[in-house]
């Protein structure tokens, strides 16, 4: 229960107000000089922009056709945009797969290096969990590189709480 209390009682950064019915939300985030950061739950995003974002953090490129298919078949995708003038830039992203009932897995969490350290990753994760909880999904998992484990632990994720060890199958 402590895990969920963290998400539903936190007030430090999650100051969100709805702007329109398309679930575009203007965010007010501490640590940034501007409040021109927007959240969107639309799964149709510019794949080239997503590739640029992933390149910025050093991720291996994936075929755009497969990325498009993965997005189309994801349960949820959340993007963060920075608006400047009449333009906007994709600065954060995460997606979720789910059975829509019990379980969900978070994938591809990324914040552009120029915007890291301002609480946007935490905001993105809290919004994902909030969205999943509206569907009464209670088991939320993710896979993380060792260098970001602390980030997820600080949000309330725990490593293997029931001693269950994940297994993987890879083609040989």
N, C-alpha and C. Protein backbone atom coordinates (compact mmCIF):
# COMPACT_ATOMS: atom_id res chain seq x y z
N UNK A 1 0.82 -1.20 0.00
CA UNK A 1 0.00 0.00 0.00
C UNK A 1 0.86 1.26 0.00
N UNK A 2 2.04 1.20 0.59
CA UNK A 2 2.91 2.37 0.62
C UNK A 2 3.21 2.85 -0.79
N UNK A 3 3.39 1.92 -1.72
CA UNK A 3 3.68 2.26 -3.11
C UNK A 3 2.60 3.19 -3.68
N UNK A 4 1.34 2.83 -3.53
CA UNK A 4 0.26 3.63 -4.10
C UNK A 4 0.05 4.93 -3.35
N UNK A 5 0.26 4.95 -2.02
CA UNK A 5 0.13 6.19 -1.26
C UNK A 5 1.07 7.25 -1.81
N UNK A 6 2.26 6.84 -2.23
CA UNK A 6 3.23 7.78 -2.78
C UNK A 6 2.64 8.53 -3.97
N UNK A 7 1.92 7.83 -4.83
CA UNK A 7 1.39 8.45 -6.03
C UNK A 7 0.15 9.29 -5.77
N UNK A 8 -0.66 8.88 -4.84
CA UNK A 8 -1.91 9.59 -4.66
C UNK A 8 -1.85 10.68 -3.61
N UNK A 9 -0.77 10.76 -2.84
CA UNK A 9 -0.63 11.81 -1.84
C UNK A 9 0.43 12.84 -2.21
N UNK A 10 1.13 12.65 -3.30
CA UNK A 10 2.22 13.55 -3.67
C UNK A 10 1.68 14.83 -4.29
N UNK A 11 2.26 15.96 -3.90
CA UNK A 11 1.82 17.24 -4.45
C UNK A 11 2.97 18.08 -4.95
N UNK A 12 4.21 17.58 -4.87
CA UNK A 12 5.35 18.41 -5.17
C UNK A 12 5.44 18.89 -6.62
N UNK A 13 5.03 18.10 -7.59
CA UNK A 13 5.26 18.45 -8.98
C UNK A 13 4.03 18.26 -9.85
N UNK A 14 3.07 17.51 -9.36
CA UNK A 14 1.95 17.12 -10.20
C UNK A 14 0.84 18.17 -10.19
N UNK A 15 1.12 19.35 -10.74
CA UNK A 15 0.13 20.40 -10.83
C UNK A 15 -0.37 20.43 -12.28
N UNK A 16 -1.41 19.66 -12.53
CA UNK A 16 -1.89 19.48 -13.90
C UNK A 16 -3.30 20.06 -14.03
N UNK A 17 -3.55 20.77 -15.15
CA UNK A 17 -4.91 21.22 -15.41
C UNK A 17 -5.28 20.89 -16.86
N UNK A 18 -6.49 20.38 -17.04
CA UNK A 18 -6.94 19.99 -18.37
C UNK A 18 -7.13 21.23 -19.24
N UNK A 19 -6.70 21.14 -20.50
CA UNK A 19 -6.90 22.23 -21.45
C UNK A 19 -8.04 21.93 -22.43
N UNK A 20 -8.15 20.69 -22.85
CA UNK A 20 -9.21 20.37 -23.79
C UNK A 20 -9.54 18.89 -23.74
N UNK A 21 -10.49 18.48 -24.53
CA UNK A 21 -10.97 17.10 -24.50
C UNK A 21 -9.99 16.12 -25.14
N UNK A 22 -8.98 16.60 -25.85
CA UNK A 22 -8.00 15.72 -26.48
C UNK A 22 -6.94 15.24 -25.50
N UNK A 23 -7.14 15.51 -24.23
CA UNK A 23 -6.21 15.11 -23.18
C UNK A 23 -4.85 15.76 -23.36
N UNK A 24 -4.81 16.94 -23.97
CA UNK A 24 -3.59 17.72 -23.97
C UNK A 24 -3.63 18.52 -22.68
N UNK A 25 -2.56 18.53 -21.95
CA UNK A 25 -2.54 19.16 -20.65
C UNK A 25 -1.36 20.10 -20.55
N UNK A 26 -1.60 21.29 -20.03
CA UNK A 26 -0.50 22.22 -19.78
C UNK A 26 0.05 21.92 -18.40
N UNK A 27 1.36 21.83 -18.29
CA UNK A 27 1.99 21.47 -17.04
C UNK A 27 2.70 22.66 -16.43
N UNK A 28 2.65 22.75 -15.14
CA UNK A 28 3.43 23.72 -14.39
C UNK A 28 4.45 22.91 -13.60
N UNK A 29 5.71 23.02 -13.96
CA UNK A 29 6.71 22.17 -13.38
C UNK A 29 7.76 23.01 -12.66
N UNK A 30 8.04 22.64 -11.42
CA UNK A 30 9.09 23.33 -10.67
C UNK A 30 10.43 23.06 -11.33
N UNK A 31 11.32 24.02 -11.24
CA UNK A 31 12.67 23.83 -11.75
C UNK A 31 12.86 24.33 -13.18
N UNK A 32 11.79 24.58 -13.90
CA UNK A 32 11.91 25.11 -15.25
C UNK A 32 11.51 26.58 -15.24
N UNK A 33 12.20 27.37 -16.05
CA UNK A 33 11.90 28.79 -16.12
C UNK A 33 10.59 29.06 -16.86
N UNK A 34 10.15 28.10 -17.63
CA UNK A 34 8.95 28.28 -18.43
C UNK A 34 7.91 27.24 -18.07
N UNK A 35 6.69 27.57 -18.34
CA UNK A 35 5.63 26.57 -18.13
C UNK A 35 5.07 26.11 -19.48
N UNK A 36 5.88 26.20 -20.51
CA UNK A 36 5.45 25.80 -21.85
C UNK A 36 5.72 24.33 -22.12
N UNK A 37 5.40 23.49 -21.16
CA UNK A 37 5.56 22.06 -21.28
C UNK A 37 4.16 21.45 -21.33
N UNK A 38 3.93 20.63 -22.34
CA UNK A 38 2.61 20.03 -22.53
C UNK A 38 2.69 18.52 -22.54
N UNK A 39 1.67 17.89 -22.00
CA UNK A 39 1.55 16.44 -21.97
C UNK A 39 0.45 16.04 -22.93
N UNK A 40 0.66 14.94 -23.66
CA UNK A 40 -0.36 14.43 -24.57
C UNK A 40 -0.43 12.92 -24.45
N UNK A 41 -1.64 12.38 -24.47
CA UNK A 41 -1.83 10.93 -24.46
C UNK A 41 -2.20 10.39 -25.85
N UNK A 42 -1.98 11.19 -26.87
CA UNK A 42 -2.24 10.74 -28.24
C UNK A 42 -1.13 9.79 -28.68
N UNK A 43 -1.50 8.63 -29.20
CA UNK A 43 -0.51 7.64 -29.62
C UNK A 43 0.08 7.95 -31.00
N UNK A 44 -0.54 8.85 -31.73
CA UNK A 44 -0.04 9.20 -33.06
C UNK A 44 0.96 10.35 -32.91
N UNK A 45 2.24 9.99 -32.85
CA UNK A 45 3.27 11.02 -32.74
C UNK A 45 4.20 10.92 -33.93
N UNK A 46 4.93 11.97 -34.17
CA UNK A 46 5.87 12.03 -35.27
C UNK A 46 7.03 11.08 -34.98
N UNK A 47 7.16 10.04 -35.77
CA UNK A 47 8.18 9.02 -35.54
C UNK A 47 9.60 9.55 -35.70
N UNK A 48 9.79 10.50 -36.61
CA UNK A 48 11.11 11.09 -36.77
C UNK A 48 11.50 11.88 -35.52
N UNK A 49 10.53 12.60 -34.93
CA UNK A 49 10.80 13.34 -33.69
C UNK A 49 11.13 12.37 -32.56
N UNK A 50 10.42 11.26 -32.50
CA UNK A 50 10.69 10.26 -31.47
C UNK A 50 12.09 9.68 -31.66
N UNK A 51 12.48 9.45 -32.91
CA UNK A 51 13.82 8.93 -33.19
C UNK A 51 14.90 9.93 -32.77
N UNK A 52 14.66 11.22 -33.01
CA UNK A 52 15.61 12.27 -32.60
C UNK A 52 15.74 12.28 -31.08
N UNK A 53 14.62 12.14 -30.38
CA UNK A 53 14.64 12.10 -28.91
C UNK A 53 15.44 10.90 -28.42
N UNK A 54 15.18 9.75 -29.00
CA UNK A 54 15.90 8.54 -28.59
C UNK A 54 17.39 8.63 -28.92
N UNK A 55 17.73 9.25 -30.06
CA UNK A 55 19.13 9.47 -30.41
C UNK A 55 19.82 10.34 -29.37
N UNK A 56 19.10 11.34 -28.86
CA UNK A 56 19.68 12.29 -27.90
C UNK A 56 20.14 11.61 -26.61
N UNK A 57 19.52 10.49 -26.26
CA UNK A 57 19.94 9.77 -25.05
C UNK A 57 20.80 8.55 -25.39
N UNK A 58 21.10 8.36 -26.66
CA UNK A 58 22.01 7.29 -27.05
C UNK A 58 21.39 5.93 -27.24
N UNK A 59 20.08 5.88 -27.43
CA UNK A 59 19.44 4.58 -27.66
C UNK A 59 19.76 4.06 -29.06
N UNK A 60 19.77 2.76 -29.20
CA UNK A 60 19.98 2.12 -30.49
C UNK A 60 18.75 2.37 -31.36
N UNK A 61 18.99 2.70 -32.60
CA UNK A 61 17.86 2.95 -33.52
C UNK A 61 17.11 1.66 -33.81
N UNK A 62 15.78 1.82 -33.91
CA UNK A 62 14.92 0.70 -34.25
C UNK A 62 14.19 1.05 -35.55
N UNK A 63 13.82 0.05 -36.32
CA UNK A 63 13.11 0.34 -37.58
C UNK A 63 11.82 1.11 -37.30
N UNK A 64 11.62 2.23 -38.01
CA UNK A 64 10.45 3.08 -37.77
C UNK A 64 9.13 2.33 -37.98
N UNK A 65 9.12 1.40 -38.93
CA UNK A 65 7.91 0.61 -39.18
C UNK A 65 7.53 -0.18 -37.93
N UNK A 66 8.52 -0.74 -37.24
CA UNK A 66 8.25 -1.51 -36.03
C UNK A 66 7.87 -0.59 -34.87
N UNK A 67 8.49 0.58 -34.79
CA UNK A 67 8.14 1.54 -33.74
C UNK A 67 6.69 1.98 -33.92
N UNK A 68 6.30 2.24 -35.16
CA UNK A 68 4.92 2.63 -35.45
C UNK A 68 3.95 1.53 -35.02
N UNK A 69 4.28 0.30 -35.35
CA UNK A 69 3.43 -0.84 -34.98
C UNK A 69 3.34 -0.98 -33.46
N UNK A 70 4.48 -0.82 -32.79
CA UNK A 70 4.49 -0.91 -31.32
C UNK A 70 3.60 0.17 -30.70
N UNK A 71 3.67 1.38 -31.23
CA UNK A 71 2.83 2.47 -30.72
C UNK A 71 1.34 2.18 -30.94
N UNK A 72 1.02 1.73 -32.13
CA UNK A 72 -0.37 1.43 -32.46
C UNK A 72 -0.95 0.35 -31.54
N UNK A 73 -0.11 -0.56 -31.10
CA UNK A 73 -0.56 -1.67 -30.27
C UNK A 73 -0.29 -1.48 -28.78
N UNK A 74 0.14 -0.29 -28.42
CA UNK A 74 0.35 0.01 -27.01
C UNK A 74 -0.97 0.38 -26.36
N UNK A 75 -1.08 0.11 -25.10
CA UNK A 75 -2.27 0.44 -24.33
C UNK A 75 -2.33 1.94 -24.07
N UNK A 76 -1.18 2.54 -23.87
CA UNK A 76 -1.09 3.95 -23.52
C UNK A 76 0.26 4.49 -23.99
N UNK A 77 0.27 5.72 -24.46
CA UNK A 77 1.52 6.42 -24.75
C UNK A 77 1.35 7.84 -24.24
N UNK A 78 2.38 8.36 -23.60
CA UNK A 78 2.35 9.73 -23.10
C UNK A 78 3.58 10.45 -23.61
N UNK A 79 3.37 11.62 -24.17
CA UNK A 79 4.46 12.44 -24.70
C UNK A 79 4.49 13.77 -23.97
N UNK A 80 5.70 14.31 -23.83
CA UNK A 80 5.89 15.65 -23.28
C UNK A 80 6.45 16.52 -24.38
N UNK A 81 5.87 17.69 -24.54
CA UNK A 81 6.31 18.63 -25.56
C UNK A 81 6.70 19.95 -24.91
N UNK A 82 7.72 20.58 -25.47
CA UNK A 82 8.12 21.92 -25.07
C UNK A 82 7.69 22.86 -26.18
N UNK A 83 6.85 23.83 -25.84
CA UNK A 83 6.35 24.77 -26.85
C UNK A 83 7.16 26.06 -26.79
N UNK A 84 7.63 26.48 -27.94
CA UNK A 84 8.35 27.75 -28.06
C UNK A 84 7.85 28.45 -29.31
N UNK A 85 7.28 29.63 -29.12
CA UNK A 85 6.66 30.34 -30.24
C UNK A 85 5.54 29.52 -30.82
N UNK A 86 5.55 29.34 -32.13
CA UNK A 86 4.54 28.53 -32.81
C UNK A 86 4.98 27.09 -33.01
N UNK A 87 6.15 26.75 -32.51
CA UNK A 87 6.69 25.41 -32.68
C UNK A 87 6.63 24.63 -31.38
N UNK A 88 6.77 23.33 -31.51
CA UNK A 88 6.87 22.48 -30.32
C UNK A 88 7.90 21.39 -30.59
N UNK A 89 8.49 20.91 -29.51
CA UNK A 89 9.55 19.90 -29.60
C UNK A 89 9.21 18.76 -28.64
N UNK A 90 9.33 17.53 -29.12
CA UNK A 90 9.12 16.36 -28.27
C UNK A 90 10.31 16.24 -27.33
N UNK A 91 10.05 16.29 -26.01
CA UNK A 91 11.14 16.24 -25.03
C UNK A 91 11.02 15.06 -24.06
N UNK A 92 9.92 14.33 -24.13
CA UNK A 92 9.75 13.19 -23.25
C UNK A 92 8.73 12.22 -23.81
N UNK A 93 8.87 10.96 -23.42
CA UNK A 93 7.98 9.94 -23.97
C UNK A 93 8.03 8.69 -23.10
N UNK A 94 6.91 7.98 -23.05
CA UNK A 94 6.84 6.64 -22.47
C UNK A 94 5.61 5.95 -23.05
N UNK A 95 5.66 4.64 -23.07
CA UNK A 95 4.49 3.89 -23.54
C UNK A 95 4.27 2.69 -22.64
N UNK A 96 3.06 2.12 -22.73
CA UNK A 96 2.65 1.03 -21.85
C UNK A 96 1.94 -0.04 -22.66
N UNK A 97 2.27 -1.30 -22.38
CA UNK A 97 1.48 -2.41 -22.90
C UNK A 97 0.70 -2.98 -21.72
N UNK A 98 -0.46 -3.57 -22.02
CA UNK A 98 -1.30 -4.05 -20.93
C UNK A 98 -2.33 -5.05 -21.43
N UNK A 99 -2.82 -5.86 -20.48
CA UNK A 99 -3.97 -6.71 -20.78
C UNK A 99 -5.27 -5.93 -20.56
N UNK A 100 -5.15 -4.69 -20.11
CA UNK A 100 -6.31 -3.84 -19.92
C UNK A 100 -7.11 -4.15 -18.68
N UNK A 101 -6.64 -5.06 -17.88
CA UNK A 101 -7.40 -5.48 -16.71
C UNK A 101 -6.55 -5.58 -15.44
N UNK A 102 -5.51 -6.37 -15.49
CA UNK A 102 -4.71 -6.63 -14.30
C UNK A 102 -3.30 -6.07 -14.38
N UNK A 103 -2.64 -6.25 -15.52
CA UNK A 103 -1.21 -6.01 -15.64
C UNK A 103 -0.87 -4.99 -16.71
N UNK A 104 0.21 -4.25 -16.45
CA UNK A 104 0.73 -3.31 -17.43
C UNK A 104 2.24 -3.27 -17.29
N UNK A 105 2.92 -3.04 -18.41
CA UNK A 105 4.38 -2.89 -18.40
C UNK A 105 4.73 -1.59 -19.10
N UNK A 106 5.57 -0.81 -18.44
CA UNK A 106 6.01 0.48 -18.96
C UNK A 106 7.28 0.27 -19.77
N UNK A 107 7.32 0.92 -20.94
CA UNK A 107 8.45 0.79 -21.87
C UNK A 107 8.90 2.17 -22.34
N UNK A 108 10.12 2.23 -22.79
CA UNK A 108 10.64 3.37 -23.56
C UNK A 108 10.50 4.72 -22.85
N UNK A 109 10.81 4.77 -21.57
CA UNK A 109 10.75 6.04 -20.83
C UNK A 109 11.99 6.85 -21.20
N UNK A 110 11.77 8.05 -21.71
CA UNK A 110 12.89 8.89 -22.14
C UNK A 110 12.55 10.37 -21.94
N UNK A 111 13.53 11.10 -21.41
CA UNK A 111 13.46 12.55 -21.30
C UNK A 111 14.72 13.10 -21.97
N UNK A 112 14.55 14.11 -22.82
CA UNK A 112 15.69 14.70 -23.51
C UNK A 112 16.70 15.21 -22.48
N UNK A 113 18.00 14.97 -22.71
CA UNK A 113 19.02 15.39 -21.75
C UNK A 113 18.95 16.88 -21.37
N UNK A 114 18.55 17.75 -22.30
CA UNK A 114 18.44 19.18 -21.99
C UNK A 114 17.38 19.48 -20.94
N UNK A 115 16.46 18.54 -20.73
CA UNK A 115 15.34 18.76 -19.81
C UNK A 115 15.38 17.84 -18.59
N UNK A 116 16.39 16.99 -18.50
CA UNK A 116 16.51 16.09 -17.35
C UNK A 116 16.87 16.88 -16.10
N UNK A 117 16.47 16.34 -14.97
CA UNK A 117 16.79 16.96 -13.69
C UNK A 117 15.78 18.00 -13.23
N UNK A 118 14.69 18.13 -13.96
CA UNK A 118 13.65 19.10 -13.62
C UNK A 118 12.37 18.44 -13.11
N UNK A 119 12.38 17.14 -12.90
CA UNK A 119 11.21 16.45 -12.41
C UNK A 119 10.27 15.96 -13.49
N UNK A 120 10.64 16.10 -14.75
CA UNK A 120 9.75 15.68 -15.83
C UNK A 120 9.62 14.16 -15.92
N UNK A 121 10.68 13.44 -15.65
CA UNK A 121 10.60 11.98 -15.65
C UNK A 121 9.66 11.49 -14.56
N UNK A 122 9.76 12.09 -13.39
CA UNK A 122 8.86 11.75 -12.29
C UNK A 122 7.43 12.09 -12.65
N UNK A 123 7.24 13.25 -13.24
CA UNK A 123 5.90 13.66 -13.66
C UNK A 123 5.33 12.68 -14.67
N UNK A 124 6.13 12.29 -15.64
CA UNK A 124 5.70 11.35 -16.67
C UNK A 124 5.29 10.02 -16.05
N UNK A 125 6.10 9.51 -15.15
CA UNK A 125 5.80 8.23 -14.50
C UNK A 125 4.54 8.33 -13.63
N UNK A 126 4.39 9.40 -12.90
CA UNK A 126 3.19 9.56 -12.07
C UNK A 126 1.93 9.63 -12.93
N UNK A 127 2.03 10.30 -14.08
CA UNK A 127 0.87 10.40 -14.97
C UNK A 127 0.53 9.05 -15.55
N UNK A 128 1.53 8.27 -15.91
CA UNK A 128 1.29 6.92 -16.42
C UNK A 128 0.55 6.10 -15.37
N UNK A 129 1.05 6.11 -14.15
CA UNK A 129 0.42 5.33 -13.09
C UNK A 129 -0.99 5.82 -12.81
N UNK A 130 -1.18 7.12 -12.83
CA UNK A 130 -2.52 7.67 -12.63
C UNK A 130 -3.48 7.17 -13.71
N UNK A 131 -3.03 7.19 -14.96
CA UNK A 131 -3.87 6.71 -16.07
C UNK A 131 -4.17 5.21 -15.91
N UNK A 132 -3.17 4.43 -15.56
CA UNK A 132 -3.38 2.99 -15.39
C UNK A 132 -4.33 2.69 -14.22
N UNK A 133 -4.22 3.44 -13.16
CA UNK A 133 -5.10 3.23 -12.00
C UNK A 133 -6.55 3.58 -12.35
N UNK A 134 -6.78 4.50 -13.29
CA UNK A 134 -8.16 4.78 -13.71
C UNK A 134 -8.78 3.57 -14.38
N UNK A 135 -7.96 2.66 -14.88
CA UNK A 135 -8.43 1.40 -15.47
C UNK A 135 -8.37 0.26 -14.46
N UNK A 136 -8.11 0.58 -13.21
CA UNK A 136 -8.03 -0.38 -12.11
C UNK A 136 -6.93 -1.42 -12.33
N UNK A 137 -5.88 -1.03 -13.04
CA UNK A 137 -4.73 -1.91 -13.22
C UNK A 137 -3.84 -1.75 -12.00
N UNK A 138 -3.56 -2.88 -11.34
CA UNK A 138 -2.84 -2.80 -10.07
C UNK A 138 -1.43 -3.37 -10.12
N UNK A 139 -1.08 -4.12 -11.14
CA UNK A 139 0.27 -4.64 -11.25
C UNK A 139 0.96 -3.93 -12.40
N UNK A 140 1.93 -3.09 -12.06
CA UNK A 140 2.64 -2.29 -13.05
C UNK A 140 4.11 -2.65 -12.97
N UNK A 141 4.66 -3.08 -14.09
CA UNK A 141 6.05 -3.50 -14.15
C UNK A 141 6.80 -2.66 -15.15
N UNK A 142 8.13 -2.74 -15.08
CA UNK A 142 8.98 -2.10 -16.08
C UNK A 142 10.33 -2.78 -16.07
N UNK A 143 11.08 -2.56 -17.10
CA UNK A 143 12.45 -3.05 -17.20
C UNK A 143 13.33 -1.81 -17.23
N UNK A 144 14.41 -1.82 -16.45
CA UNK A 144 15.26 -0.64 -16.35
C UNK A 144 16.72 -1.02 -16.42
N UNK A 145 17.50 -0.16 -17.05
CA UNK A 145 18.95 -0.32 -17.03
C UNK A 145 19.45 -0.07 -15.62
N UNK A 146 20.54 -0.70 -15.23
CA UNK A 146 21.06 -0.54 -13.87
C UNK A 146 21.32 0.91 -13.47
N UNK A 147 21.71 1.76 -14.42
CA UNK A 147 22.04 3.14 -14.09
C UNK A 147 20.82 4.01 -13.78
N UNK A 148 19.61 3.52 -14.01
CA UNK A 148 18.42 4.31 -13.69
C UNK A 148 17.55 3.66 -12.61
N UNK A 149 18.05 2.61 -11.99
CA UNK A 149 17.27 1.93 -10.94
C UNK A 149 16.90 2.89 -9.81
N UNK A 150 17.84 3.74 -9.40
CA UNK A 150 17.58 4.67 -8.31
C UNK A 150 16.39 5.59 -8.64
N UNK A 151 16.32 6.05 -9.88
CA UNK A 151 15.20 6.91 -10.30
C UNK A 151 13.87 6.21 -10.04
N UNK A 152 13.75 4.96 -10.46
CA UNK A 152 12.49 4.24 -10.28
C UNK A 152 12.24 3.88 -8.81
N UNK A 153 13.29 3.56 -8.07
CA UNK A 153 13.13 3.30 -6.64
C UNK A 153 12.63 4.54 -5.92
N UNK A 154 13.16 5.71 -6.29
CA UNK A 154 12.73 6.97 -5.66
C UNK A 154 11.26 7.27 -5.93
N UNK A 155 10.73 6.75 -7.02
CA UNK A 155 9.32 6.95 -7.35
C UNK A 155 8.44 5.97 -6.58
N UNK A 156 9.02 4.87 -6.12
CA UNK A 156 8.25 3.90 -5.36
C UNK A 156 8.26 2.49 -5.92
N UNK A 157 8.94 2.29 -7.06
CA UNK A 157 9.04 0.94 -7.60
C UNK A 157 10.00 0.14 -6.73
N UNK A 158 9.72 -1.14 -6.61
CA UNK A 158 10.58 -2.03 -5.84
C UNK A 158 11.08 -3.15 -6.74
N UNK A 159 12.26 -3.63 -6.42
CA UNK A 159 12.82 -4.72 -7.21
C UNK A 159 12.24 -6.02 -6.70
N UNK A 160 11.52 -6.70 -7.57
CA UNK A 160 11.10 -8.07 -7.31
C UNK A 160 10.54 -8.30 -5.90
N UNK A 161 9.44 -7.62 -5.54
CA UNK A 161 8.95 -7.68 -4.16
C UNK A 161 8.56 -9.07 -3.66
N UNK A 162 8.15 -9.94 -4.56
CA UNK A 162 7.72 -11.27 -4.14
C UNK A 162 8.78 -12.34 -4.40
N UNK A 163 9.97 -11.92 -4.77
CA UNK A 163 11.04 -12.87 -5.03
C UNK A 163 10.89 -13.60 -6.36
N UNK A 164 9.95 -13.15 -7.19
CA UNK A 164 9.76 -13.78 -8.50
C UNK A 164 10.85 -13.27 -9.43
N UNK A 165 11.50 -14.15 -10.12
CA UNK A 165 12.56 -13.77 -11.05
C UNK A 165 12.02 -13.81 -12.46
N UNK A 166 12.20 -12.71 -13.17
CA UNK A 166 11.78 -12.66 -14.56
C UNK A 166 12.66 -13.53 -15.42
N UNK A 167 12.10 -13.99 -16.49
CA UNK A 167 12.84 -14.81 -17.43
C UNK A 167 12.68 -14.21 -18.82
N UNK A 168 13.65 -14.48 -19.67
CA UNK A 168 13.63 -13.94 -21.01
C UNK A 168 13.93 -15.05 -22.01
N UNK A 169 13.36 -14.92 -23.19
CA UNK A 169 13.69 -15.80 -24.28
C UNK A 169 14.13 -14.93 -25.44
N UNK A 170 15.27 -15.22 -26.00
CA UNK A 170 15.78 -14.48 -27.16
C UNK A 170 16.05 -15.46 -28.28
N UNK A 171 15.83 -15.08 -29.52
CA UNK A 171 16.15 -15.98 -30.62
C UNK A 171 17.66 -16.22 -30.69
N UNK A 172 18.03 -17.44 -31.02
CA UNK A 172 19.46 -17.78 -31.10
C UNK A 172 19.95 -17.80 -32.51
